[in-house]
Amino acid sequence: MMDNVWNIFLWLIFPYICLTIFVLGHIWRYRYDKFGWTSRSSQMYESRILRWANPMFHFGILAVFFGHVMGLGIPESWTEAAGISESMYHFMAITVGILAGVFTIVGLVGLLYRRRFTKAVLGATTKMDKLMYLMLTVVILSGLVNTGSGAVGDYNYREGVSVWFRSIFFLNPQPELMAHAPFSFQFHGLAAISLFALWPFTRLVHVFTAPLGYIFRPYILYRSRDAHEGSRERRRGWDKVDTIPRRR
């Protein structure tokens, strides 16, 4: 009985609590902390490590994100209808997933090393930053473990975890699917859900910020100053032509 109640809380109530915090937290943050809605860039403090670690992490995490969209959001029947066999899908998911995961981990290690051993960057690191990096590391490592286990295990997450994930958003939750999933998948799921609850209160909010206004912004026009606006004397040859006749 207790196990059933615990599973209902973990895989039904807790996900909705975290998603509610995720949505309302972003609304609150945008309304009351617009100036804090930023990634808090530290490039001015150190750029040598950032130059390679930042692109590796961001491109890797983008690949991981789209892999999750494919694996969790698209039903197995859809890929089969598209002519992609289950064995081919798993081969692609494992190879691309491991490559993207390693790419992300290497980039993250570079960013963490830079943040820990660059004095100026460490001084600009908040407690919330440390918690965010810890949670992010746990989520990425546990996800990489699950991807690797897919090569040797016989658990098909597309028939369990994926169906549970979609059922949450369809408001028809099936917590029993996660209750019977391997522990590594449960751990990864809980860590990811907790990260969503933490998200609005960290620098991760910059994910939802895109400078689209720059695309439609008019050109910036630069004009030289008039003589009375500056302190330098006008050079010969650049005197304005006086079109107003002077009175004698």
Protein backbone atom coordinates (compact mmCIF):
# COMPACT_ATOMS: atom_id res chain seq x y z
CA MET A 1 0.00 0.00 0.00
CA MET A 2 2.78 2.42 0.95
CA ASP A 3 4.67 1.57 -2.22
CA ASN A 4 1.61 2.42 -4.29
CA VAL A 5 1.15 5.78 -2.53
CA TRP A 6 4.86 6.57 -2.94
CA ASN A 7 4.75 5.76 -6.66
CA ILE A 8 1.68 7.93 -7.14
CA PHE A 9 3.46 10.84 -5.48
CA LEU A 10 6.73 10.39 -7.41
CA TRP A 11 5.31 9.75 -10.86
CA LEU A 12 2.02 11.66 -10.77
CA ILE A 13 1.91 14.43 -8.14
CA PHE A 14 5.59 15.45 -8.11
CA PRO A 15 5.85 15.96 -11.92
CA TYR A 16 2.84 18.30 -11.89
CA ILE A 17 4.26 20.23 -8.92
CA CYS A 18 7.56 20.73 -10.77
CA LEU A 19 5.87 21.71 -14.04
CA THR A 20 3.69 24.22 -12.20
CA ILE A 21 6.76 25.76 -10.57
CA PHE A 22 8.46 25.78 -13.97
CA VAL A 23 5.66 27.77 -15.63
CA LEU A 24 4.72 30.10 -12.77
CA GLY A 25 8.36 30.60 -11.82
CA HIS A 26 9.24 31.88 -15.29
CA ILE A 27 6.25 34.24 -15.25
CA TRP A 28 7.28 35.59 -11.85
CA ARG A 29 10.94 35.89 -12.87
CA TYR A 30 10.12 37.76 -16.06
CA ARG A 31 7.74 40.11 -14.29
CA TYR A 32 9.85 40.97 -11.27
CA ASP A 33 13.43 40.28 -12.35
CA LYS A 34 13.80 41.29 -16.00
CA PHE A 35 17.29 42.65 -15.45
CA GLY A 36 18.31 39.33 -13.91
CA TRP A 37 16.98 37.39 -16.91
CA THR A 38 20.42 36.68 -18.32
CA SER A 39 23.12 34.05 -18.57
CA ARG A 40 25.41 36.34 -16.56
CA SER A 41 28.24 36.02 -19.03
CA SER A 42 31.78 35.77 -17.62
CA GLN A 43 33.62 35.99 -20.94
CA MET A 44 35.38 39.18 -19.86
CA TYR A 45 37.08 37.25 -17.04
CA GLU A 46 38.38 34.32 -19.10
CA SER A 47 37.98 33.37 -22.76
CA ARG A 48 40.64 30.78 -23.58
CA ILE A 49 38.78 27.78 -22.10
CA LEU A 50 35.38 29.31 -22.78
CA ARG A 51 36.19 29.48 -26.50
CA TRP A 52 36.05 25.68 -26.91
CA ALA A 53 34.08 24.49 -23.85
CA ASN A 54 31.04 26.70 -24.40
CA PRO A 55 30.33 25.61 -28.02
CA MET A 56 30.94 21.94 -27.15
CA PHE A 57 28.49 22.07 -24.27
CA HIS A 58 25.77 24.00 -26.10
CA PHE A 59 25.90 22.01 -29.35
CA GLY A 60 26.04 18.79 -27.35
CA ILE A 61 23.07 19.73 -25.17
CA LEU A 62 21.07 20.73 -28.26
CA ALA A 63 21.69 17.29 -29.76
CA VAL A 64 20.66 15.69 -26.46
CA PHE A 65 17.49 17.80 -26.38
CA PHE A 66 16.42 16.84 -29.90
CA GLY A 67 17.24 13.22 -29.10
CA HIS A 68 14.85 13.38 -26.14
CA VAL A 69 12.19 15.01 -28.30
CA MET A 70 12.56 12.11 -30.72
CA GLY A 71 12.68 9.39 -28.07
CA LEU A 72 10.07 10.68 -25.63
CA GLY A 73 7.73 12.68 -27.83
CA ILE A 74 7.39 10.49 -30.92
CA PRO A 75 5.56 7.16 -30.45
CA GLU A 76 7.18 3.96 -31.60
CA SER A 77 4.36 3.33 -34.08
CA TRP A 78 5.18 6.59 -35.88
CA THR A 79 8.80 5.70 -36.56
CA GLU A 80 7.79 2.23 -37.71
CA ALA A 81 5.24 3.78 -40.09
CA ALA A 82 8.05 5.95 -41.46
CA GLY A 83 10.02 2.81 -42.31
CA ILE A 84 12.47 2.97 -39.40
CA SER A 85 12.74 -0.41 -37.74
CA GLU A 86 13.11 -0.64 -33.98
CA SER A 87 16.60 -2.09 -34.22
CA MET A 88 17.70 0.71 -36.56
CA TYR A 89 16.16 3.31 -34.26
CA HIS A 90 17.95 1.97 -31.20
CA PHE A 91 21.26 1.80 -33.06
CA MET A 92 20.93 5.43 -34.11
CA ALA A 93 19.74 6.52 -30.65
CA ILE A 94 22.62 4.81 -28.87
CA THR A 95 25.41 5.93 -31.21
CA VAL A 96 24.24 9.52 -31.63
CA GLY A 97 23.17 9.72 -27.99
CA ILE A 98 26.54 8.58 -26.65
CA LEU A 99 28.40 10.92 -28.99
CA ALA A 100 26.22 13.88 -27.99
CA GLY A 101 26.50 12.94 -24.31
CA VAL A 102 30.30 12.73 -24.41
CA PHE A 103 30.46 16.03 -26.29
CA THR A 104 28.25 17.65 -23.63
CA ILE A 105 30.23 16.17 -20.73
CA VAL A 106 33.57 17.33 -22.12
CA GLY A 107 32.21 20.83 -22.60
CA LEU A 108 30.67 20.83 -19.13
CA VAL A 109 33.93 19.66 -17.53
CA GLY A 110 35.73 22.53 -19.27
CA LEU A 111 33.17 25.04 -18.00
CA LEU A 112 33.31 23.66 -14.45
CA TYR A 113 37.13 23.65 -14.45
CA ARG A 114 37.14 27.24 -15.67
CA ARG A 115 34.60 28.31 -13.07
CA ARG A 116 36.47 26.61 -10.24
CA PHE A 117 40.06 27.57 -11.05
CA THR A 118 39.59 31.03 -12.55
CA LYS A 119 39.49 33.31 -9.54
CA ALA A 120 37.39 36.05 -11.12
CA VAL A 121 34.83 33.56 -12.49
CA LEU A 122 34.65 31.76 -9.15
CA GLY A 123 34.03 35.05 -7.40
CA ALA A 124 31.08 35.73 -9.72
CA THR A 125 29.56 32.30 -9.05
CA THR A 126 26.48 32.30 -6.81
CA LYS A 127 25.14 29.51 -4.60
CA MET A 128 22.30 29.02 -7.07
CA ASP A 129 24.85 28.62 -9.86
CA LYS A 130 26.58 25.84 -7.90
CA LEU A 131 23.29 24.04 -7.28
CA MET A 132 22.32 24.40 -10.93
CA TYR A 133 25.64 22.97 -12.16
CA LEU A 134 25.35 20.08 -9.71
CA MET A 135 21.85 19.19 -10.88
CA LEU A 136 22.81 19.59 -14.51
CA THR A 137 25.79 17.27 -14.06
CA VAL A 138 23.64 14.63 -12.35
CA VAL A 139 21.01 14.76 -15.11
CA ILE A 140 23.56 14.52 -17.93
CA LEU A 141 25.60 11.72 -16.36
CA SER A 142 22.55 9.64 -15.45
CA GLY A 143 21.18 10.12 -18.96
CA LEU A 144 24.47 8.99 -20.47
CA VAL A 145 24.40 5.88 -18.26
CA ASN A 146 20.90 5.06 -19.51
CA THR A 147 21.96 5.56 -23.12
CA GLY A 148 24.90 3.21 -22.64
CA SER A 149 22.75 0.61 -20.86
CA GLY A 150 20.48 0.55 -23.89
CA ALA A 151 23.24 -1.22 -25.79
CA VAL A 152 23.35 -4.13 -23.33
CA GLY A 153 19.96 -4.09 -21.58
CA ASP A 154 16.63 -5.38 -22.79
CA TYR A 155 14.42 -2.61 -21.38
CA ASN A 156 12.54 -0.70 -24.06
CA TYR A 157 12.04 2.80 -22.65
CA ARG A 158 9.79 3.73 -25.59
CA GLU A 159 7.15 1.37 -24.23
CA GLY A 160 7.52 2.60 -20.65
CA VAL A 161 9.21 5.92 -19.89
CA SER A 162 8.15 7.55 -23.15
CA VAL A 163 4.50 6.59 -22.75
CA TRP A 164 4.54 7.86 -19.14
CA PHE A 165 6.14 11.14 -20.25
CA ARG A 166 3.48 11.78 -22.90
CA SER A 167 0.68 10.79 -20.52
CA ILE A 168 1.71 13.60 -18.15
CA PHE A 169 1.15 16.23 -20.84
CA PHE A 170 -2.01 14.56 -22.13
CA LEU A 171 -3.43 14.79 -18.57
CA ASN A 172 -3.84 11.03 -18.51
CA PRO A 173 -0.92 10.03 -16.25
CA GLN A 174 0.18 6.41 -16.02
CA PRO A 175 2.51 6.30 -12.99
CA GLU A 176 2.64 2.51 -13.00
CA LEU A 177 4.85 2.63 -16.11
CA MET A 178 7.63 4.47 -14.27
CA ALA A 179 7.08 2.36 -11.14
CA HIS A 180 8.21 -0.69 -13.14
CA ALA A 181 11.09 1.03 -14.95
CA PRO A 182 14.72 0.25 -13.99
CA PHE A 183 16.16 2.33 -11.17
CA SER A 184 18.57 4.19 -13.46
CA PHE A 185 15.66 5.49 -15.54
CA GLN A 186 13.72 6.42 -12.41
CA PHE A 187 16.71 8.31 -11.01
CA HIS A 188 17.27 10.17 -14.28
CA GLY A 189 13.59 11.05 -14.48
CA LEU A 190 13.46 12.43 -10.94
CA ALA A 191 16.66 14.43 -11.45
CA ALA A 192 15.34 15.92 -14.70
CA ILE A 193 11.98 16.80 -13.14
CA SER A 194 13.71 18.46 -10.18
CA LEU A 195 15.88 20.47 -12.58
CA PHE A 196 12.72 21.80 -14.22
CA ALA A 197 11.53 23.08 -10.84
CA LEU A 198 14.89 24.75 -10.25
CA TRP A 199 15.11 26.19 -13.78
CA PRO A 200 13.24 29.53 -13.37
CA PHE A 201 15.49 30.63 -10.51
CA THR A 202 18.81 30.10 -12.27
CA ARG A 203 20.70 31.43 -15.29
CA LEU A 204 19.02 28.70 -17.36
CA VAL A 205 16.21 31.16 -18.10
CA HIS A 206 18.38 32.55 -20.91
CA VAL A 207 17.37 29.48 -22.94
CA PHE A 208 14.04 31.22 -23.59
CA THR A 209 15.61 34.50 -24.62
CA ALA A 210 16.31 35.08 -28.30
CA PRO A 211 17.29 38.51 -29.68
CA LEU A 212 14.65 38.40 -32.43
CA GLY A 213 14.34 42.17 -32.31
CA TYR A 214 17.75 42.51 -33.91
CA ILE A 215 16.38 40.98 -37.11
CA PHE A 216 13.74 43.69 -37.55
CA ARG A 217 15.65 46.57 -35.96
CA PRO A 218 16.34 49.54 -38.26
CA TYR A 219 19.89 50.41 -39.14
CA ILE A 220 21.81 52.56 -36.71
CA LEU A 221 22.84 55.86 -38.28
CA TYR A 222 26.00 57.58 -37.13
CA ARG A 223 26.30 61.34 -37.64
CA SER A 224 29.20 63.64 -36.95
CA ARG A 225 28.78 66.21 -34.22
CA ASP A 226 28.31 69.92 -34.87
CA ALA A 227 31.15 72.16 -33.86
CA HIS A 228 29.39 73.52 -30.78
CA GLU A 229 28.69 70.02 -29.47
CA GLY A 230 32.32 68.92 -29.33
CA SER A 231 35.51 70.24 -27.82
CA ARG A 232 37.73 69.81 -30.88
CA GLU A 233 38.30 72.54 -33.42
CA ARG A 234 37.04 72.01 -36.92
CA ARG A 235 39.68 71.21 -39.47
CA ARG A 236 40.10 73.32 -42.57
CA GLY A 237 38.15 72.04 -45.51
CA TRP A 238 35.25 70.82 -43.38
CA ASP A 239 33.63 74.20 -42.65
CA LYS A 240 29.92 74.35 -43.25
CA VAL A 241 28.58 76.59 -45.96
CA ASP A 242 26.54 79.39 -44.43
CA THR A 243 23.38 79.67 -46.52
CA ILE A 244 21.82 82.41 -44.39
CA PRO A 245 22.90 85.88 -45.51
CA ARG A 246 24.48 87.95 -42.78
CA ARG A 247 23.18 91.38 -41.93
CA ARG A 248 25.54 94.25 -42.38
